[in-house]
Amino acid sequence: MPDATPNKPNKHGYGVDPVHHYGWITPRFWHGMTPGDFWRMVFANRCKVSVRGALTCSTITGVGLFHLGAKLVTDLTMGRKLRLARPSQPPLFVLGHWRSGTTMLHELLIRDPRHVFPTTFECFAPHHFLLTETAITPFISWLLPKKRPMDNVAAGFDRPQEDEFALCSLGLPTPYRSWAFPDHGPVCGDWLTLDNVSDADRKRWGEALRRFVGALSLKRPGRVILKSPPHTARIKTILEHFPDARFVHISRNPLKLFPSTVRLWKSLCDVQTLQPQRAHYDWIEEEVFGNLTRMYEAYDRDRPLIPEGRVVEMRYEDLVADPLSTLRDLYANLDLGAFADAEPGVAAYLAEEKDYKTNRFELPEEVRERINDRWSGYAKRWGYV
């Protein structure tokens, strides 16, 4: 690997495989924000954008004006329904660190026809998707690439997406804002766990998530399946707004987790930035190390708050080895209904993805030692020692 040194990842974050192309006109995550929310973020970063970033800011502002108009129409026509909407069944939250298999598990769970999930369009347009999704998505599907930049997972406006992006589009702070101005380093760290934000902000966060889940429930009845790695550190707040929620947590070998997460953050800084791309972002590795520690301090503290029978913990390696048996046990332990009703869809998805290739990584020995040292608690906690 030509760029690699013992102390610095290559341009793909220790990855052997290149990232997928992300076009100039491909929407960025910030295209879901209204102009006020977006420009507050830009001014907070002293408007330090590149020429290309300035052009992106102009398109985000234009799309944001559409969001404002569509939001107004939605509030006028469906405001009362949205305020009163509640999920017909307790939602299920997929928890786990980035790159731990949460996407695979989410993809398998949504093959159950009884389940509801947020699409990419819904997370980009949480203010108004109930009115606009069917009309708009056929005309804009070409804007997204066929695959995500960091891996071989299919992309598209109709594909499942993290609800963290819906919260971002709604103007809530998130550590994901670090990708917009990566020259300035990580931001919104308190919003990973919500521990040190004000009570008013925690309530605002929970109400935004509740409204989004309610909107999904208006779209189609069923159990809402949500997947967002930061939720791993937010169990207490989630239970305050969804006291009957179910949870499934997935873990993965930390020697796989670390380089894959570094690649994820590096690739998303590259494609989501409003500043010039950099060969390296010196803060990413430390942020990856620290985020896992903070995440699992919060998880282990708050996990006892989950009533018995409402949480299952699994390992990625077991899910890959025998997905049907692992899911069958999950359904039984969380009382999700008969797995037989979900099995045909799950089996069909597994057949479609049988040739899926995971990313390859090469880790210098010094990096392996750092992972084993910094994440020894995680490795012991989930049986990777």
Protein backbone atom coordinates (compact mmCIF):
# COMPACT_ATOMS: atom_id res chain seq x y z
CA MET A 1 0.00 0.00 0.00
CA PRO A 2 1.85 3.08 -1.20
CA ASP A 3 0.43 5.62 1.29
CA ALA A 4 0.66 3.53 4.41
CA THR A 5 3.07 4.11 7.29
CA PRO A 6 3.08 2.39 10.69
CA ASN A 7 1.41 5.45 12.25
CA LYS A 8 -0.91 6.71 9.52
CA PRO A 9 -3.68 5.01 7.51
CA ASN A 10 -3.64 5.06 3.73
CA LYS A 11 -6.16 7.16 1.81
CA HIS A 12 -8.76 4.40 2.24
CA GLY A 13 -8.28 4.04 5.99
CA TYR A 14 -6.18 0.84 5.93
CA GLY A 15 -8.46 -0.48 3.21
CA VAL A 16 -7.15 -2.44 0.24
CA ASP A 17 -10.22 -1.60 -1.87
CA PRO A 18 -10.94 1.92 -3.23
CA VAL A 19 -14.11 3.77 -2.28
CA HIS A 20 -16.94 4.12 -4.78
CA HIS A 21 -17.42 7.29 -6.80
CA TYR A 22 -19.68 9.99 -5.38
CA GLY A 23 -20.61 12.57 -8.03
CA TRP A 24 -20.57 16.35 -7.83
CA ILE A 25 -24.34 16.58 -8.14
CA THR A 26 -25.07 13.71 -5.76
CA PRO A 27 -27.07 15.05 -2.78
CA ARG A 28 -25.15 15.50 0.44
CA PHE A 29 -26.63 14.77 3.84
CA TRP A 30 -27.08 18.49 4.36
CA HIS A 31 -29.55 18.68 1.46
CA GLY A 32 -32.23 17.53 3.89
CA MET A 33 -31.90 20.62 6.10
CA THR A 34 -33.98 23.78 5.91
CA PRO A 35 -32.01 26.96 5.08
CA GLY A 36 -32.12 28.27 8.64
CA ASP A 37 -30.75 25.07 10.19
CA PHE A 38 -28.13 24.68 7.47
CA TRP A 39 -26.80 28.22 7.56
CA ARG A 40 -26.60 28.19 11.36
CA MET A 41 -24.23 25.24 10.95
CA VAL A 42 -22.24 27.08 8.28
CA PHE A 43 -21.92 30.30 10.33
CA ALA A 44 -20.91 28.26 13.39
CA ASN A 45 -17.98 27.10 11.24
CA ARG A 46 -17.13 30.67 10.19
CA CYS A 47 -18.28 30.05 6.60
CA LYS A 48 -14.96 28.39 5.78
CA VAL A 49 -16.01 26.54 2.65
CA SER A 50 -14.24 25.69 -0.60
CA VAL A 51 -15.36 26.96 -4.01
CA ARG A 52 -17.03 23.64 -4.64
CA GLY A 53 -18.50 23.80 -1.13
CA ALA A 54 -19.97 27.22 -1.89
CA LEU A 55 -21.74 25.79 -4.95
CA THR A 56 -23.05 22.95 -2.79
CA CYS A 57 -24.28 25.49 -0.22
CA SER A 58 -26.30 27.22 -2.94
CA THR A 59 -28.02 23.98 -3.99
CA ILE A 60 -28.68 23.06 -0.35
CA THR A 61 -30.34 26.45 0.13
CA GLY A 62 -32.51 25.97 -2.94
CA VAL A 63 -33.59 22.48 -1.92
CA GLY A 64 -34.12 23.76 1.62
CA LEU A 65 -36.60 26.36 0.39
CA PHE A 66 -38.59 23.51 -1.15
CA HIS A 67 -38.45 21.70 2.20
CA LEU A 68 -39.90 24.77 3.89
CA GLY A 69 -42.80 25.01 1.46
CA ALA A 70 -43.57 21.30 1.57
CA LYS A 71 -43.34 21.35 5.36
CA LEU A 72 -45.87 24.17 5.51
CA VAL A 73 -48.32 22.22 3.34
CA THR A 74 -47.77 19.06 5.42
CA ASP A 75 -48.34 20.92 8.68
CA LEU A 76 -51.52 22.51 7.33
CA THR A 77 -52.98 19.26 6.00
CA MET A 78 -51.62 16.65 8.41
CA GLY A 79 -50.39 18.55 11.46
CA ARG A 80 -52.93 17.16 13.90
CA LYS A 81 -52.46 13.58 12.64
CA LEU A 82 -48.70 13.90 13.05
CA ARG A 83 -48.99 15.26 16.58
CA LEU A 84 -51.23 12.36 17.62
CA ALA A 85 -49.53 9.60 15.62
CA ARG A 86 -48.12 6.71 17.62
CA PRO A 87 -46.60 3.43 16.41
CA SER A 88 -49.02 0.50 16.37
CA GLN A 89 -46.32 -1.72 17.92
CA PRO A 90 -43.25 -0.95 20.02
CA PRO A 91 -40.36 0.00 17.72
CA LEU A 92 -37.25 -2.16 17.51
CA PHE A 93 -33.88 -0.40 17.73
CA VAL A 94 -30.83 -2.03 16.15
CA LEU A 95 -27.81 -1.07 18.26
CA GLY A 96 -24.08 -1.50 17.78
CA HIS A 97 -20.96 0.41 16.86
CA TRP A 98 -20.43 1.58 13.31
CA ARG A 99 -19.44 -1.27 10.98
CA SER A 100 -20.44 -3.94 13.49
CA GLY A 101 -23.09 -5.48 11.23
CA THR A 102 -25.98 -3.16 12.04
CA THR A 103 -26.68 -2.60 8.33
CA MET A 104 -26.82 -6.32 7.58
CA LEU A 105 -29.07 -6.98 10.56
CA HIS A 106 -31.34 -4.08 9.59
CA GLU A 107 -31.56 -5.34 6.01
CA LEU A 108 -32.57 -8.80 7.23
CA LEU A 109 -35.20 -7.51 9.68
CA ILE A 110 -36.94 -5.33 7.11
CA ARG A 111 -37.54 -8.37 4.89
CA ASP A 112 -40.38 -9.15 7.25
CA PRO A 113 -43.51 -7.71 5.56
CA ARG A 114 -44.85 -6.77 9.00
CA HIS A 115 -42.00 -4.33 9.54
CA VAL A 116 -41.68 -0.66 8.57
CA PHE A 117 -38.39 1.16 8.02
CA PRO A 118 -37.23 4.67 7.10
CA THR A 119 -36.00 5.08 3.54
CA THR A 120 -33.22 7.38 2.40
CA PHE A 121 -35.77 9.83 0.97
CA GLU A 122 -37.70 9.88 4.24
CA CYS A 123 -34.52 10.67 6.15
CA PHE A 124 -33.67 13.45 3.67
CA ALA A 125 -37.22 14.82 3.77
CA PRO A 126 -38.60 14.08 7.25
CA HIS A 127 -40.65 17.30 7.21
CA HIS A 128 -42.86 16.27 4.31
CA PHE A 129 -42.22 12.75 2.94
CA LEU A 130 -45.80 11.68 3.63
CA LEU A 131 -46.95 14.07 0.91
CA THR A 132 -44.00 14.05 -1.49
CA GLU A 133 -42.22 10.68 -1.53
CA THR A 134 -44.38 8.93 -4.11
CA ALA A 135 -44.42 11.92 -6.44
CA ILE A 136 -40.75 12.90 -6.27
CA THR A 137 -38.59 9.78 -5.96
CA PRO A 138 -39.19 8.46 -9.51
CA PHE A 139 -37.68 11.67 -10.91
CA ILE A 140 -34.62 11.96 -8.66
CA SER A 141 -33.50 8.34 -8.27
CA TRP A 142 -30.69 8.88 -10.79
CA LEU A 143 -28.99 11.36 -8.48
CA LEU A 144 -27.72 8.70 -6.08
CA PRO A 145 -24.90 6.23 -6.86
CA LYS A 146 -25.61 2.52 -7.05
CA LYS A 147 -23.45 1.79 -4.01
CA ARG A 148 -22.45 3.58 -0.84
CA PRO A 149 -18.97 5.11 -1.03
CA MET A 150 -17.49 3.07 1.82
CA ASP A 151 -18.73 -0.45 0.96
CA ASN A 152 -20.70 -2.56 -1.51
CA VAL A 153 -24.14 -1.98 0.03
CA ALA A 154 -26.70 -0.77 -2.51
CA ALA A 155 -27.77 2.88 -2.33
CA GLY A 156 -31.03 4.53 -3.42
CA PHE A 157 -33.82 6.75 -2.20
CA ASP A 158 -35.97 3.68 -1.53
CA ARG A 159 -33.26 1.87 0.44
CA PRO A 160 -33.28 1.66 4.27
CA GLN A 161 -31.42 4.45 6.02
CA GLU A 162 -30.26 5.51 9.48
CA ASP A 163 -32.79 7.68 11.27
CA GLU A 164 -29.82 9.74 12.55
CA PHE A 165 -29.93 11.45 9.16
CA ALA A 166 -33.59 12.31 9.65
CA LEU A 167 -32.72 13.95 12.96
CA CYS A 168 -29.90 15.81 11.23
CA SER A 169 -32.33 16.99 8.54
CA LEU A 170 -34.65 18.19 11.29
CA GLY A 171 -31.88 20.48 12.51
CA LEU A 172 -30.74 18.49 15.55
CA PRO A 173 -27.02 18.44 16.31
CA THR A 174 -25.24 15.14 15.70
CA PRO A 175 -21.60 14.00 15.60
CA TYR A 176 -22.23 13.43 11.89
CA ARG A 177 -21.90 17.19 11.39
CA SER A 178 -18.15 16.60 11.75
CA TRP A 179 -18.19 15.45 8.12
CA ALA A 180 -19.36 18.85 6.84
CA PHE A 181 -16.32 20.77 8.13
CA PRO A 182 -13.65 18.13 8.76
CA ASP A 183 -10.85 20.73 8.83
CA HIS A 184 -12.29 21.83 12.17
CA GLY A 185 -12.27 18.37 13.76
CA PRO A 186 -15.08 16.54 15.54
CA VAL A 187 -18.17 18.42 16.77
CA CYS A 188 -21.37 17.75 18.72
CA GLY A 189 -19.72 15.05 20.83
CA ASP A 190 -22.23 15.56 23.66
CA TRP A 191 -25.01 14.53 21.29
CA LEU A 192 -23.59 11.02 20.97
CA THR A 193 -24.76 10.07 24.46
CA LEU A 194 -27.04 13.07 25.20
CA ASP A 195 -25.58 12.99 28.73
CA ASN A 196 -24.34 16.57 28.85
CA VAL A 197 -26.97 18.36 26.79
CA SER A 198 -29.68 20.36 28.52
CA ASP A 199 -32.96 18.80 29.59
CA ALA A 200 -34.70 20.96 27.00
CA ASP A 201 -32.42 19.66 24.24
CA ARG A 202 -32.88 16.04 25.33
CA LYS A 203 -36.64 16.56 25.22
CA ARG A 204 -36.38 18.23 21.81
CA TRP A 205 -34.34 15.29 20.52
CA GLY A 206 -36.81 12.73 21.85
CA GLU A 207 -39.83 14.60 20.50
CA ALA A 208 -38.25 14.82 17.05
CA LEU A 209 -37.61 11.07 17.03
CA ARG A 210 -41.13 10.36 18.29
CA ARG A 211 -42.65 12.53 15.56
CA PHE A 212 -40.54 10.83 12.89
CA VAL A 213 -41.55 7.37 14.09
CA GLY A 214 -45.17 8.53 14.19
CA ALA A 215 -44.92 9.73 10.59
CA LEU A 216 -43.51 6.35 9.54
CA SER A 217 -46.43 4.69 11.30
CA LEU A 218 -48.90 6.83 9.36
CA LYS A 219 -47.24 5.69 6.15
CA ARG A 220 -47.87 2.04 6.93
CA PRO A 221 -48.85 0.17 10.10
CA GLY A 222 -46.36 -2.28 11.52
CA ARG A 223 -43.35 -2.48 13.79
CA VAL A 224 -40.88 0.30 12.98
CA ILE A 225 -37.28 -0.95 12.71
CA LEU A 226 -34.69 1.75 13.36
CA LYS A 227 -30.92 1.48 12.94
CA SER A 228 -28.51 4.16 14.07
CA PRO A 229 -25.19 3.38 15.80
CA PRO A 230 -25.34 6.47 18.07
CA HIS A 231 -28.56 5.10 19.60
CA THR A 232 -26.35 2.52 21.33
CA ALA A 233 -25.43 5.29 23.76
CA ARG A 234 -28.96 6.73 24.12
CA ILE A 235 -30.97 3.94 25.72
CA LYS A 236 -32.16 6.05 28.65
CA THR A 237 -33.54 8.82 26.44
CA ILE A 238 -35.10 6.36 24.00
CA LEU A 239 -36.93 4.59 26.83
CA GLU A 240 -38.28 7.91 28.09
CA HIS A 241 -40.13 8.34 24.79
CA PHE A 242 -40.66 4.68 23.84
CA PRO A 243 -40.98 2.81 27.16
CA ASP A 244 -42.05 -0.42 25.41
CA ALA A 245 -39.23 -0.39 22.84
CA ARG A 246 -37.31 -3.52 21.90
CA PHE A 247 -33.56 -3.58 21.30
CA VAL A 248 -31.09 -5.86 19.54
CA HIS A 249 -27.38 -5.23 19.89
CA ILE A 250 -24.71 -6.61 17.57
CA SER A 251 -20.95 -6.72 18.22
CA ARG A 252 -17.96 -7.50 16.00
CA ASN A 253 -14.27 -8.30 16.32
CA PRO A 254 -12.57 -4.98 17.16
CA LEU A 255 -9.70 -5.72 14.74
CA LYS A 256 -12.32 -5.61 11.98
CA LEU A 257 -14.31 -2.82 13.54
CA PHE A 258 -11.55 -0.24 13.82
CA PRO A 259 -10.18 -0.09 10.26
CA SER A 260 -13.66 -0.31 8.79
CA THR A 261 -14.85 2.61 10.93
CA VAL A 262 -11.79 4.70 10.05
CA ARG A 263 -12.54 4.03 6.38
CA LEU A 264 -16.19 5.00 6.93
CA TRP A 265 -15.37 8.32 8.60
CA LYS A 266 -12.63 9.16 6.10
CA SER A 267 -14.81 8.40 3.07
CA LEU A 268 -17.74 10.38 4.47
CA CYS A 269 -15.52 13.36 5.26
CA ASP A 270 -14.36 13.21 1.63
CA VAL A 271 -17.82 13.10 0.06
CA GLN A 272 -19.81 15.20 2.54
CA THR A 273 -17.31 17.99 3.17
CA LEU A 274 -17.98 21.59 2.29
CA GLN A 275 -14.23 22.17 2.50
CA PRO A 276 -11.34 20.85 0.39
CA GLN A 277 -10.71 17.11 0.51
CA ARG A 278 -7.63 16.07 2.46
CA ALA A 279 -5.37 13.06 2.08
CA HIS A 280 -5.69 12.54 5.85
CA TYR A 281 -7.76 13.92 8.69
CA ASP A 282 -5.56 13.62 11.74
CA TRP A 283 -8.44 13.59 14.23
CA ILE A 284 -10.37 10.61 12.86
CA GLU A 285 -8.49 7.75 14.52
CA GLU A 286 -8.69 9.29 17.98
CA GLU A 287 -12.36 10.07 17.43
CA VAL A 288 -13.03 6.45 16.47
CA PHE A 289 -11.19 5.18 19.55
CA GLY A 290 -12.94 7.62 21.87
CA ASN A 291 -16.43 7.19 20.47
CA LEU A 292 -16.47 3.47 21.18
CA THR A 293 -15.35 4.04 24.77
CA ARG A 294 -18.02 6.70 25.38
CA MET A 295 -20.65 4.65 23.60
CA TYR A 296 -20.17 1.54 25.72
CA GLU A 297 -19.81 3.38 28.99
CA ALA A 298 -23.32 4.69 28.31
CA TYR A 299 -24.60 1.35 27.02
CA ASP A 300 -23.38 -0.65 30.02
CA ARG A 301 -24.73 1.99 32.40
CA ASP A 302 -28.21 2.12 30.86
CA ARG A 303 -28.74 -1.43 29.67
CA PRO A 304 -30.23 -2.48 33.07
CA LEU A 305 -33.03 0.03 32.39
CA ILE A 306 -34.36 -2.24 29.64
CA PRO A 307 -36.97 -4.63 31.04
CA GLU A 308 -36.24 -8.34 30.80
CA GLY A 309 -37.25 -9.89 27.51
CA ARG A 310 -36.84 -6.67 25.51
CA VAL A 311 -33.17 -6.85 24.52
CA VAL A 312 -31.09 -9.43 22.67
CA GLU A 313 -27.33 -9.32 22.18
CA MET A 314 -25.66 -11.14 19.29
CA ARG A 315 -22.34 -11.29 17.48
CA TYR A 316 -21.82 -10.43 13.84
CA GLU A 317 -19.83 -13.60 13.31
CA ASP A 318 -22.76 -15.75 14.52
CA LEU A 319 -25.21 -13.87 12.31
CA VAL A 320 -23.05 -14.41 9.23
CA ALA A 321 -22.45 -18.07 10.05
CA ASP A 322 -26.14 -18.95 10.47
CA PRO A 323 -28.46 -16.00 9.79
CA LEU A 324 -31.72 -17.96 9.81
CA SER A 325 -31.13 -19.64 13.17
CA THR A 326 -29.82 -16.40 14.70
CA LEU A 327 -32.90 -14.48 13.55
CA ARG A 328 -35.23 -17.27 14.62
CA ASP A 329 -33.83 -17.01 18.16
CA LEU A 330 -34.13 -13.22 18.04
CA TYR A 331 -37.80 -13.40 17.10
CA ALA A 332 -38.50 -15.86 19.90
CA ASN A 333 -36.60 -13.92 22.56
CA LEU A 334 -38.17 -10.55 21.69
CA ASP A 335 -41.63 -11.93 20.95
CA LEU A 336 -41.66 -10.46 17.43
CA GLY A 337 -44.20 -12.93 16.09
CA ALA A 338 -43.79 -16.06 14.01
CA PHE A 339 -40.46 -16.12 12.20
CA ALA A 340 -42.07 -18.34 9.57
CA ASP A 341 -43.83 -15.24 8.20
CA ALA A 342 -40.48 -13.46 7.77
CA GLU A 343 -38.36 -16.39 6.62
CA PRO A 344 -39.24 -16.32 2.89
CA GLY A 345 -38.20 -12.67 2.56
CA VAL A 346 -35.04 -13.22 4.59
CA ALA A 347 -34.08 -16.27 2.54
CA ALA A 348 -34.65 -14.37 -0.71
CA TYR A 349 -32.42 -11.53 0.47
CA LEU A 350 -29.66 -13.92 1.52
CA ALA A 351 -29.80 -15.56 -1.91
CA GLU A 352 -29.50 -12.16 -3.60
CA GLU A 353 -26.51 -11.20 -1.47
CA LYS A 354 -24.65 -14.51 -1.51
CA ASP A 355 -21.83 -13.02 -3.60
CA TYR A 356 -21.49 -9.86 -1.49
CA LYS A 357 -17.85 -9.00 -0.85
CA THR A 358 -16.81 -7.27 2.37
CA ASN A 359 -13.98 -4.75 2.38
CA ARG A 360 -10.41 -5.93 2.87
CA PHE A 361 -7.95 -4.29 5.25
CA GLU A 362 -4.27 -4.45 6.09
CA LEU A 363 -3.37 -3.40 9.63
CA PRO A 364 0.19 -2.59 10.70
CA GLU A 365 1.21 -4.42 13.87
CA GLU A 366 1.49 -1.14 15.76
CA VAL A 367 -2.16 -0.36 14.98
CA ARG A 368 -3.23 -3.84 16.07
CA GLU A 369 -1.51 -3.27 19.39
CA ARG A 370 -3.27 0.06 19.86
CA ILE A 371 -6.66 -1.52 19.13
CA ASN A 372 -6.02 -4.37 21.55
CA ASP A 373 -4.97 -1.86 24.19
CA ARG A 374 -7.60 0.85 23.72
CA TRP A 375 -10.52 -1.50 23.12
CA SER A 376 -9.61 -4.33 25.46
CA GLY A 377 -12.78 -3.75 27.49
CA TYR A 378 -14.98 -4.10 24.42
CA ALA A 379 -13.10 -7.24 23.34
CA LYS A 380 -13.60 -8.85 26.76
CA ARG A 381 -17.22 -7.67 27.04
CA TRP A 382 -18.24 -9.36 23.79
CA GLY A 383 -15.97 -12.40 23.84
CA TYR A 384 -13.21 -11.49 21.40
CA VAL A 385 -10.28 -12.32 23.68
